[in-house]
PDB file of N, CA and C in Angstrom:
ATOM      1  N   MET A   1      -1.457  -1.230  -2.977  1.00  0.00           N
ATOM      2  CA  MET A   1      -2.780  -1.457  -2.423  1.00  0.00           C
ATOM      3  C   MET A   1      -3.846  -1.248  -3.492  1.00  0.00           C
ATOM      4  N   GLU A   2      -3.628  -0.283  -4.352  1.00  0.00           N
ATOM      5  CA  GLU A   2      -4.602  -0.031  -5.415  1.00  0.00           C
ATOM      6  C   GLU A   2      -4.766  -1.261  -6.302  1.00  0.00           C
ATOM      7  N   ARG A   3      -3.649  -1.873  -6.697  1.00  0.00           N
ATOM      8  CA  ARG A   3      -3.721  -3.066  -7.535  1.00  0.00           C
ATOM      9  C   ARG A   3      -4.403  -4.222  -6.808  1.00  0.00           C
ATOM     10  N   ALA A   4      -4.107  -4.379  -5.519  1.00  0.00           N
ATOM     11  CA  ALA A   4      -4.692  -5.473  -4.741  1.00  0.00           C
ATOM     12  C   ALA A   4      -6.206  -5.344  -4.652  1.00  0.00           C
ATOM     13  N   VAL A   5      -6.708  -4.171  -4.326  1.00  0.00           N
ATOM     14  CA  VAL A   5      -8.160  -4.005  -4.189  1.00  0.00           C
ATOM     15  C   VAL A   5      -8.844  -4.051  -5.552  1.00  0.00           C
ATOM     16  N   ALA A   6      -8.171  -3.574  -6.597  1.00  0.00           N
ATOM     17  CA  ALA A   6      -8.759  -3.645  -7.938  1.00  0.00           C
ATOM     18  C   ALA A   6      -8.824  -5.091  -8.431  1.00  0.00           C
ATOM     19  N   HIS A   7      -7.833  -5.890  -8.093  1.00  0.00           N
ATOM     20  CA  HIS A   7      -7.774  -7.276  -8.568  1.00  0.00           C
ATOM     21  C   HIS A   7      -8.573  -8.242  -7.690  1.00  0.00           C
ATOM     22  N   PHE A   8      -8.425  -8.143  -6.377  1.00  0.00           N
ATOM     23  CA  PHE A   8      -9.040  -9.107  -5.461  1.00  0.00           C
ATOM     24  C   PHE A   8     -10.375  -8.653  -4.879  1.00  0.00           C
ATOM     25  N   GLY A   9     -10.678  -7.380  -4.962  1.00  0.00           N
ATOM     26  CA  GLY A   9     -11.847  -6.844  -4.273  1.00  0.00           C
ATOM     27  C   GLY A   9     -11.428  -6.382  -2.892  1.00  0.00           C
ATOM     28  N   PRO A  10     -12.346  -6.275  -1.946  1.00  0.00           N
ATOM     29  CA  PRO A  10     -11.988  -5.796  -0.607  1.00  0.00           C
ATOM     30  C   PRO A  10     -10.848  -6.604   0.016  1.00  0.00           C
ATOM     31  N   VAL A  11      -9.916  -5.876   0.659  1.00  0.00           N
ATOM     32  CA  VAL A  11      -8.776  -6.492   1.341  1.00  0.00           C
ATOM     33  C   VAL A  11      -8.679  -5.913   2.743  1.00  0.00           C
ATOM     34  N   THR A  12      -8.107  -6.661   3.663  1.00  0.00           N
ATOM     35  CA  THR A  12      -7.959  -6.158   5.028  1.00  0.00           C
ATOM     36  C   THR A  12      -6.639  -5.412   5.173  1.00  0.00           C
ATOM     37  N   VAL A  13      -6.680  -4.356   5.946  1.00  0.00           N
ATOM     38  CA  VAL A  13      -5.497  -3.550   6.229  1.00  0.00           C
ATOM     39  C   VAL A  13      -5.476  -3.190   7.708  1.00  0.00           C
ATOM     40  N   CYS A  14      -4.294  -3.007   8.243  1.00  0.00           N
ATOM     41  CA  CYS A  14      -4.137  -2.558   9.622  1.00  0.00           C
ATOM     42  C   CYS A  14      -3.752  -1.087   9.608  1.00  0.00           C
ATOM     43  N   LEU A  15      -4.133  -0.390  10.648  1.00  0.00           N
ATOM     44  CA  LEU A  15      -3.774   1.015  10.791  1.00  0.00           C
ATOM     45  C   LEU A  15      -3.779   1.386  12.265  1.00  0.00           C
ATOM     46  N   ASN A  16      -3.405   2.608  12.538  1.00  0.00           N
ATOM     47  CA  ASN A  16      -3.507   3.128  13.893  1.00  0.00           C
ATOM     48  C   ASN A  16      -4.801   3.920  13.972  1.00  0.00           C
ATOM     49  N   SER A  17      -5.709   3.528  14.836  1.00  0.00           N
ATOM     50  CA  SER A  17      -7.034   4.141  14.903  1.00  0.00           C
ATOM     51  C   SER A  17      -7.170   5.227  15.972  1.00  0.00           C
ATOM     52  N   ASP A  18      -6.080   5.561  16.641  1.00  0.00           N
ATOM     53  CA  ASP A  18      -6.166   6.524  17.745  1.00  0.00           C
ATOM     54  C   ASP A  18      -6.817   7.845  17.337  1.00  0.00           C
ATOM     55  N   ARG A  19      -6.484   8.372  16.170  1.00  0.00           N
ATOM     56  CA  ARG A  19      -7.001   9.668  15.745  1.00  0.00           C
ATOM     57  C   ARG A  19      -8.368   9.565  15.061  1.00  0.00           C
ATOM     58  N   LEU A  20      -8.852   8.363  14.832  1.00  0.00           N
ATOM     59  CA  LEU A  20     -10.113   8.179  14.113  1.00  0.00           C
ATOM     60  C   LEU A  20     -11.334   8.086  15.027  1.00  0.00           C
ATOM     61  N   GLN A  21     -11.134   8.092  16.323  1.00  0.00           N
ATOM     62  CA  GLN A  21     -12.246   7.913  17.258  1.00  0.00           C
ATOM     63  C   GLN A  21     -13.383   8.913  17.024  1.00  0.00           C
ATOM     64  N   HIS A  22     -13.051  10.146  16.671  1.00  0.00           N
ATOM     65  CA  HIS A  22     -14.058  11.199  16.534  1.00  0.00           C
ATOM     66  C   HIS A  22     -14.307  11.593  15.084  1.00  0.00           C
ATOM     67  N   TYR A  23     -13.935  10.726  14.159  1.00  0.00           N
ATOM     68  CA  TYR A  23     -14.147  10.991  12.740  1.00  0.00           C
ATOM     69  C   TYR A  23     -15.645  11.100  12.449  1.00  0.00           C
ATOM     70  N   LYS A  24     -16.018  12.121  11.699  1.00  0.00           N
ATOM     71  CA  LYS A  24     -17.432  12.324  11.338  1.00  0.00           C
ATOM     72  C   LYS A  24     -17.640  12.253   9.829  1.00  0.00           C
ATOM     73  N   GLY A  25     -16.623  12.605   9.038  1.00  0.00           N
ATOM     74  CA  GLY A  25     -16.771  12.598   7.591  1.00  0.00           C
ATOM     75  C   GLY A  25     -15.655  13.359   6.915  1.00  0.00           C
ATOM     76  N   GLY A  26     -15.604  13.244   5.607  1.00  0.00           N
ATOM     77  CA  GLY A  26     -14.568  13.896   4.815  1.00  0.00           C
ATOM     78  C   GLY A  26     -13.351  13.005   4.658  1.00  0.00           C
ATOM     79  N   VAL A  27     -12.376  13.520   3.942  1.00  0.00           N
ATOM     80  CA  VAL A  27     -11.131  12.781   3.735  1.00  0.00           C
ATOM     81  C   VAL A  27     -10.201  13.091   4.903  1.00  0.00           C
ATOM     82  N   PHE A  28      -9.904  12.081   5.708  1.00  0.00           N
ATOM     83  CA  PHE A  28      -9.050  12.242   6.883  1.00  0.00           C
ATOM     84  C   PHE A  28      -7.595  12.235   6.437  1.00  0.00           C
ATOM     85  N   ASN A  29      -6.834  13.210   6.926  1.00  0.00           N
ATOM     86  CA  ASN A  29      -5.422  13.309   6.573  1.00  0.00           C
ATOM     87  C   ASN A  29      -4.663  13.836   7.776  1.00  0.00           C
ATOM     88  N   ALA A  30      -3.908  12.974   8.423  1.00  0.00           N
ATOM     89  CA  ALA A  30      -3.113  13.369   9.591  1.00  0.00           C
ATOM     90  C   ALA A  30      -1.752  12.706   9.487  1.00  0.00           C
ATOM     91  N   ASP A  31      -0.718  13.452   9.786  1.00  0.00           N
ATOM     92  CA  ASP A  31       0.626  12.886   9.710  1.00  0.00           C
ATOM     93  C   ASP A  31       1.222  12.618  11.085  1.00  0.00           C
ATOM     94  N   ASP A  32       0.396  12.674  12.121  1.00  0.00           N
ATOM     95  CA  ASP A  32       0.916  12.505  13.473  1.00  0.00           C
ATOM     96  C   ASP A  32       0.314  11.316  14.215  1.00  0.00           C
ATOM     97  N   CYS A  33      -0.156  10.299  13.485  1.00  0.00           N
ATOM     98  CA  CYS A  33      -0.669   9.102  14.151  1.00  0.00           C
ATOM     99  C   CYS A  33       0.488   8.312  14.754  1.00  0.00           C
ATOM    100  N   PRO A  34       0.307   7.713  15.918  1.00  0.00           N
ATOM    101  CA  PRO A  34       1.353   6.871  16.496  1.00  0.00           C
ATOM    102  C   PRO A  34       1.686   5.704  15.559  1.00  0.00           C
ATOM    103  N   LEU A  35       2.900   5.178  15.664  1.00  0.00           N
ATOM    104  CA  LEU A  35       3.351   4.115  14.772  1.00  0.00           C
ATOM    105  C   LEU A  35       2.692   2.772  15.039  1.00  0.00           C
ATOM    106  N   LYS A  36       2.251   2.521  16.249  1.00  0.00           N
ATOM    107  CA  LYS A  36       1.671   1.227  16.601  1.00  0.00           C
ATOM    108  C   LYS A  36       0.382   0.965  15.822  1.00  0.00           C
ATOM    109  N   LEU A  37       0.282  -0.220  15.199  1.00  0.00           N
ATOM    110  CA  LEU A  37      -0.937  -0.626  14.504  1.00  0.00           C
ATOM    111  C   LEU A  37      -1.923  -1.153  15.546  1.00  0.00           C
ATOM    112  N   THR A  38      -3.151  -0.618  15.543  1.00  0.00           N
ATOM    113  CA  THR A  38      -4.104  -0.945  16.602  1.00  0.00           C
ATOM    114  C   THR A  38      -5.429  -1.503  16.117  1.00  0.00           C
ATOM    115  N   HIS A  39      -5.684  -1.485  14.810  1.00  0.00           N
ATOM    116  CA  HIS A  39      -7.028  -1.828  14.352  1.00  0.00           C
ATOM    117  C   HIS A  39      -6.975  -2.362  12.924  1.00  0.00           C
ATOM    118  N   MET A  40      -7.826  -3.334  12.624  1.00  0.00           N
ATOM    119  CA  MET A  40      -7.928  -3.873  11.271  1.00  0.00           C
ATOM    120  C   MET A  40      -9.257  -3.435  10.672  1.00  0.00           C
ATOM    121  N   VAL A  41      -9.214  -2.997   9.415  1.00  0.00           N
ATOM    122  CA  VAL A  41     -10.404  -2.541   8.705  1.00  0.00           C
ATOM    123  C   VAL A  41     -10.401  -3.143   7.303  1.00  0.00           C
ATOM    124  N   LEU A  42     -11.472  -2.908   6.576  1.00  0.00           N
ATOM    125  CA  LEU A  42     -11.620  -3.450   5.237  1.00  0.00           C
ATOM    126  C   LEU A  42     -11.480  -2.327   4.211  1.00  0.00           C
ATOM    127  N   LEU A  43     -10.486  -2.445   3.348  1.00  0.00           N
ATOM    128  CA  LEU A  43     -10.289  -1.496   2.251  1.00  0.00           C
ATOM    129  C   LEU A  43     -11.197  -1.939   1.112  1.00  0.00           C
ATOM    130  N   VAL A  44     -12.202  -1.128   0.794  1.00  0.00           N
ATOM    131  CA  VAL A  44     -13.212  -1.548  -0.173  1.00  0.00           C
ATOM    132  C   VAL A  44     -13.102  -0.835  -1.516  1.00  0.00           C
ATOM    133  N   GLY A  45     -12.351   0.246  -1.580  1.00  0.00           N
ATOM    134  CA  GLY A  45     -12.232   0.962  -2.839  1.00  0.00           C
ATOM    135  C   GLY A  45     -11.387   2.202  -2.692  1.00  0.00           C
ATOM    136  N   TYR A  46     -11.388   3.014  -3.749  1.00  0.00           N
ATOM    137  CA  TYR A  46     -10.589   4.226  -3.744  1.00  0.00           C
ATOM    138  C   TYR A  46     -11.119   5.212  -4.774  1.00  0.00           C
ATOM    139  N   THR A  47     -10.770   6.468  -4.550  1.00  0.00           N
ATOM    140  CA  THR A  47     -10.999   7.533  -5.510  1.00  0.00           C
ATOM    141  C   THR A  47      -9.626   8.108  -5.837  1.00  0.00           C
ATOM    142  N   ALA A  48      -9.588   9.139  -6.634  1.00  0.00           N
ATOM    143  CA  ALA A  48      -8.305   9.750  -6.986  1.00  0.00           C
ATOM    144  C   ALA A  48      -7.576  10.281  -5.752  1.00  0.00           C
ATOM    145  N   ASP A  49      -8.320  10.726  -4.736  1.00  0.00           N
ATOM    146  CA  ASP A  49      -7.674  11.339  -3.582  1.00  0.00           C
ATOM    147  C   ASP A  49      -7.828  10.582  -2.265  1.00  0.00           C
ATOM    148  N   ALA A  50      -8.591   9.483  -2.238  1.00  0.00           N
ATOM    149  CA  ALA A  50      -8.844   8.830  -0.946  1.00  0.00           C
ATOM    150  C   ALA A  50      -9.029   7.324  -1.072  1.00  0.00           C
ATOM    151  N   TRP A  51      -8.633   6.628   0.006  1.00  0.00           N
ATOM    152  CA  TRP A  51      -8.972   5.218   0.180  1.00  0.00           C
ATOM    153  C   TRP A  51     -10.334   5.172   0.851  1.00  0.00           C
ATOM    154  N   ILE A  52     -11.188   4.231   0.472  1.00  0.00           N
ATOM    155  CA  ILE A  52     -12.494   4.066   1.095  1.00  0.00           C
ATOM    156  C   ILE A  52     -12.436   2.799   1.934  1.00  0.00           C
ATOM    157  N   LEU A  53     -12.716   2.941   3.216  1.00  0.00           N
ATOM    158  CA  LEU A  53     -12.587   1.826   4.146  1.00  0.00           C
ATOM    159  C   LEU A  53     -13.866   1.616   4.937  1.00  0.00           C
ATOM    160  N   LYS A  54     -14.101   0.375   5.330  1.00  0.00           N
ATOM    161  CA  LYS A  54     -15.247   0.008   6.156  1.00  0.00           C
ATOM    162  C   LYS A  54     -14.735  -0.341   7.541  1.00  0.00           C
ATOM    163  N   ASN A  55     -15.325   0.268   8.539  1.00  0.00           N
ATOM    164  CA  ASN A  55     -14.928   0.034   9.915  1.00  0.00           C
ATOM    165  C   ASN A  55     -15.946  -0.864  10.613  1.00  0.00           C
ATOM    166  N   SER A  56     -15.572  -1.399  11.744  1.00  0.00           N
ATOM    167  CA  SER A  56     -16.449  -2.297  12.512  1.00  0.00           C
ATOM    168  C   SER A  56     -17.042  -1.621  13.742  1.00  0.00           C
ATOM    169  N   TRP A  57     -17.010  -0.314  13.812  1.00  0.00           N
ATOM    170  CA  TRP A  57     -17.485   0.400  14.987  1.00  0.00           C
ATOM    171  C   TRP A  57     -18.971   0.729  14.937  1.00  0.00           C
ATOM    172  N   GLY A  58     -19.709   0.157  14.026  1.00  0.00           N
ATOM    173  CA  GLY A  58     -21.146   0.363  13.969  1.00  0.00           C
ATOM    174  C   GLY A  58     -21.562   1.345  12.893  1.00  0.00           C
ATOM    175  N   THR A  59     -22.846   1.313  12.585  1.00  0.00           N
ATOM    176  CA  THR A  59     -23.359   2.114  11.485  1.00  0.00           C
ATOM    177  C   THR A  59     -23.535   3.590  11.820  1.00  0.00           C
ATOM    178  N   LYS A  60     -23.460   3.957  13.084  1.00  0.00           N
ATOM    179  CA  LYS A  60     -23.598   5.368  13.456  1.00  0.00           C
ATOM    180  C   LYS A  60     -22.262   6.104  13.434  1.00  0.00           C
ATOM    181  N   TRP A  61     -21.181   5.372  13.287  1.00  0.00           N
ATOM    182  CA  TRP A  61     -19.843   5.977  13.223  1.00  0.00           C
ATOM    183  C   TRP A  61     -19.498   6.272  11.762  1.00  0.00           C
ATOM    184  N   GLY A  62     -18.802   7.368  11.512  1.00  0.00           N
ATOM    185  CA  GLY A  62     -18.278   7.657  10.180  1.00  0.00           C
ATOM    186  C   GLY A  62     -19.316   8.097   9.166  1.00  0.00           C
ATOM    187  N   GLU A  63     -19.030   7.784   7.912  1.00  0.00           N
ATOM    188  CA  GLU A  63     -19.888   8.164   6.798  1.00  0.00           C
ATOM    189  C   GLU A  63     -20.693   6.963   6.317  1.00  0.00           C
ATOM    190  N   ARG A  64     -21.890   7.206   5.869  1.00  0.00           N
ATOM    191  CA  ARG A  64     -22.714   6.178   5.211  1.00  0.00           C
ATOM    192  C   ARG A  64     -22.706   4.834   5.927  1.00  0.00           C
ATOM    193  N   GLY A  65     -22.884   4.850   7.204  1.00  0.00           N
ATOM    194  CA  GLY A  65     -23.026   3.600   7.941  1.00  0.00           C
ATOM    195  C   GLY A  65     -21.739   2.872   8.264  1.00  0.00           C
ATOM    196  N   GLY A  66     -20.701   3.577   8.679  1.00  0.00           N
ATOM    197  CA  GLY A  66     -19.476   2.929   9.143  1.00  0.00           C
ATOM    198  C   GLY A  66     -18.289   2.999   8.195  1.00  0.00           C
ATOM    199  N   TYR A  67     -18.406   3.759   7.135  1.00  0.00           N
ATOM    200  CA  TYR A  67     -17.292   3.914   6.197  1.00  0.00           C
ATOM    201  C   TYR A  67     -16.491   5.166   6.536  1.00  0.00           C
ATOM    202  N   PHE A  68     -15.249   5.197   6.062  1.00  0.00           N
ATOM    203  CA  PHE A  68     -14.444   6.400   6.207  1.00  0.00           C
ATOM    204  C   PHE A  68     -13.448   6.483   5.065  1.00  0.00           C
ATOM    205  N   ARG A  69     -12.915   7.689   4.878  1.00  0.00           N
ATOM    206  CA  ARG A  69     -11.960   7.920   3.797  1.00  0.00           C
ATOM    207  C   ARG A  69     -10.660   8.461   4.371  1.00  0.00           C
ATOM    208  N   LEU A  70      -9.545   7.879   3.876  1.00  0.00           N
ATOM    209  CA  LEU A  70      -8.213   8.351   4.245  1.00  0.00           C
ATOM    210  C   LEU A  70      -7.518   8.878   3.002  1.00  0.00           C
ATOM    211  N   ALA A  71      -6.761   9.943   3.158  1.00  0.00           N
ATOM    212  CA  ALA A  71      -6.052  10.545   2.034  1.00  0.00           C
ATOM    213  C   ALA A  71      -5.064   9.565   1.418  1.00  0.00           C
ATOM    214  N   ARG A  72      -5.012   9.544   0.092  1.00  0.00           N
ATOM    215  CA  ARG A  72      -4.033   8.734  -0.634  1.00  0.00           C
ATOM    216  C   ARG A  72      -2.773   9.564  -0.846  1.00  0.00           C
ATOM    217  N   GLY A  73      -1.680   8.881  -1.129  1.00  0.00           N
ATOM    218  CA  GLY A  73      -0.440   9.571  -1.442  1.00  0.00           C
ATOM    219  C   GLY A  73       0.490   9.732  -0.260  1.00  0.00           C
ATOM    220  N   SER A  74       0.040   9.341   0.911  1.00  0.00           N
ATOM    221  CA  SER A  74       0.889   9.364   2.100  1.00  0.00           C
ATOM    222  C   SER A  74       0.457   8.200   2.986  1.00  0.00           C
ATOM    223  N   ASN A  75       1.185   7.955   4.007  1.00  0.00           N
ATOM    224  CA  ASN A  75       0.921   6.810   4.877  1.00  0.00           C
ATOM    225  C   ASN A  75       0.061   7.232   6.076  1.00  0.00           C
ATOM    226  N   VAL A  76      -1.126   7.745   5.807  1.00  0.00           N
ATOM    227  CA  VAL A  76      -2.009   8.240   6.862  1.00  0.00           C
ATOM    228  C   VAL A  76      -2.361   7.105   7.823  1.00  0.00           C
ATOM    229  N   CYS A  77      -2.129   7.334   9.097  1.00  0.00           N
ATOM    230  CA  CYS A  77      -2.405   6.359  10.164  1.00  0.00           C
ATOM    231  C   CYS A  77      -1.690   5.029   9.936  1.00  0.00           C
ATOM    232  N   ASN A  78      -0.566   5.093   9.215  1.00  0.00           N
ATOM    233  CA  ASN A  78       0.277   3.913   8.955  1.00  0.00           C
ATOM    234  C   ASN A  78      -0.458   2.833   8.164  1.00  0.00           C
ATOM    235  N   LEU A  79      -1.360   3.261   7.315  1.00  0.00           N
ATOM    236  CA  LEU A  79      -2.172   2.351   6.514  1.00  0.00           C
ATOM    237  C   LEU A  79      -1.341   1.455   5.597  1.00  0.00           C
ATOM    238  N   ASN A  80      -0.203   1.910   5.152  1.00  0.00           N
ATOM    239  CA  ASN A  80       0.597   1.173   4.165  1.00  0.00           C
ATOM    240  C   ASN A  80       1.439   0.048   4.742  1.00  0.00           C
ATOM    241  N   TYR A  81       1.410  -0.170   6.043  1.00  0.00           N
ATOM    242  CA  TYR A  81       2.327  -1.134   6.654  1.00  0.00           C
ATOM    243  C   TYR A  81       1.887  -2.588   6.566  1.00  0.00           C
ATOM    244  N   GLU A  82       0.592  -2.865   6.580  1.00  0.00           N
ATOM    245  CA  GLU A  82       0.151  -4.261   6.597  1.00  0.00           C
ATOM    246  C   GLU A  82      -1.155  -4.403   5.814  1.00  0.00           C
ATOM    247  N   ILE A  83      -1.116  -5.230   4.773  1.00  0.00           N
ATOM    248  CA  ILE A  83      -2.287  -5.507   3.949  1.00  0.00           C
ATOM    249  C   ILE A  83      -2.384  -7.012   3.777  1.00  0.00           C
ATOM    250  N   THR A  84      -3.600  -7.540   3.824  1.00  0.00           N
ATOM    251  CA  THR A  84      -3.805  -8.975   3.704  1.00  0.00           C
ATOM    252  C   THR A  84      -4.882  -9.267   2.667  1.00  0.00           C
ATOM    253  N   TYR A  85      -4.572 -10.174   1.765  1.00  0.00           N
ATOM    254  CA  TYR A  85      -5.544 -10.611   0.780  1.00  0.00           C
ATOM    255  C   TYR A  85      -5.251 -12.049   0.390  1.00  0.00           C
ATOM    256  N   PRO A  86      -6.251 -12.750  -0.129  1.00  0.00           N
ATOM    257  CA  PRO A  86      -6.068 -14.178  -0.428  1.00  0.00           C
ATOM    258  C   PRO A  86      -5.313 -14.406  -1.742  1.00  0.00           C
ATOM    259  N   LEU A  87      -4.530 -15.437  -1.776  1.00  0.00           N
ATOM    260  CA  LEU A  87      -3.935 -15.913  -3.014  1.00  0.00           C
ATOM    261  C   LEU A  87      -4.616 -17.242  -3.329  1.00  0.00           C
ATOM    262  N   VAL A  88      -5.360 -17.265  -4.395  1.00  0.00           N
ATOM    263  CA  VAL A  88      -6.132 -18.452  -4.736  1.00  0.00           C
ATOM    264  C   VAL A  88      -5.544 -19.111  -5.964  1.00  0.00           C
TER     265      VAL A  88
END
């Protein structure tokens, strides 16, 4: 995923959003999300410890107007299962 977002720019990813409903900020890290993929978001970047994602739940949700961070290095909310980007 790191190579895809670095090469193509923002890419879409699916995850399980059940535990993200009440996210307010910080790096989210949970290992108990259900396996079912329920939501598509935009992976816009990364830091050494987190993926930076843009959600569609409005500007009052999450950090800085609809963004959120998920911990890197594990499959938090099943983020690693489905990624989509264009091949041009």
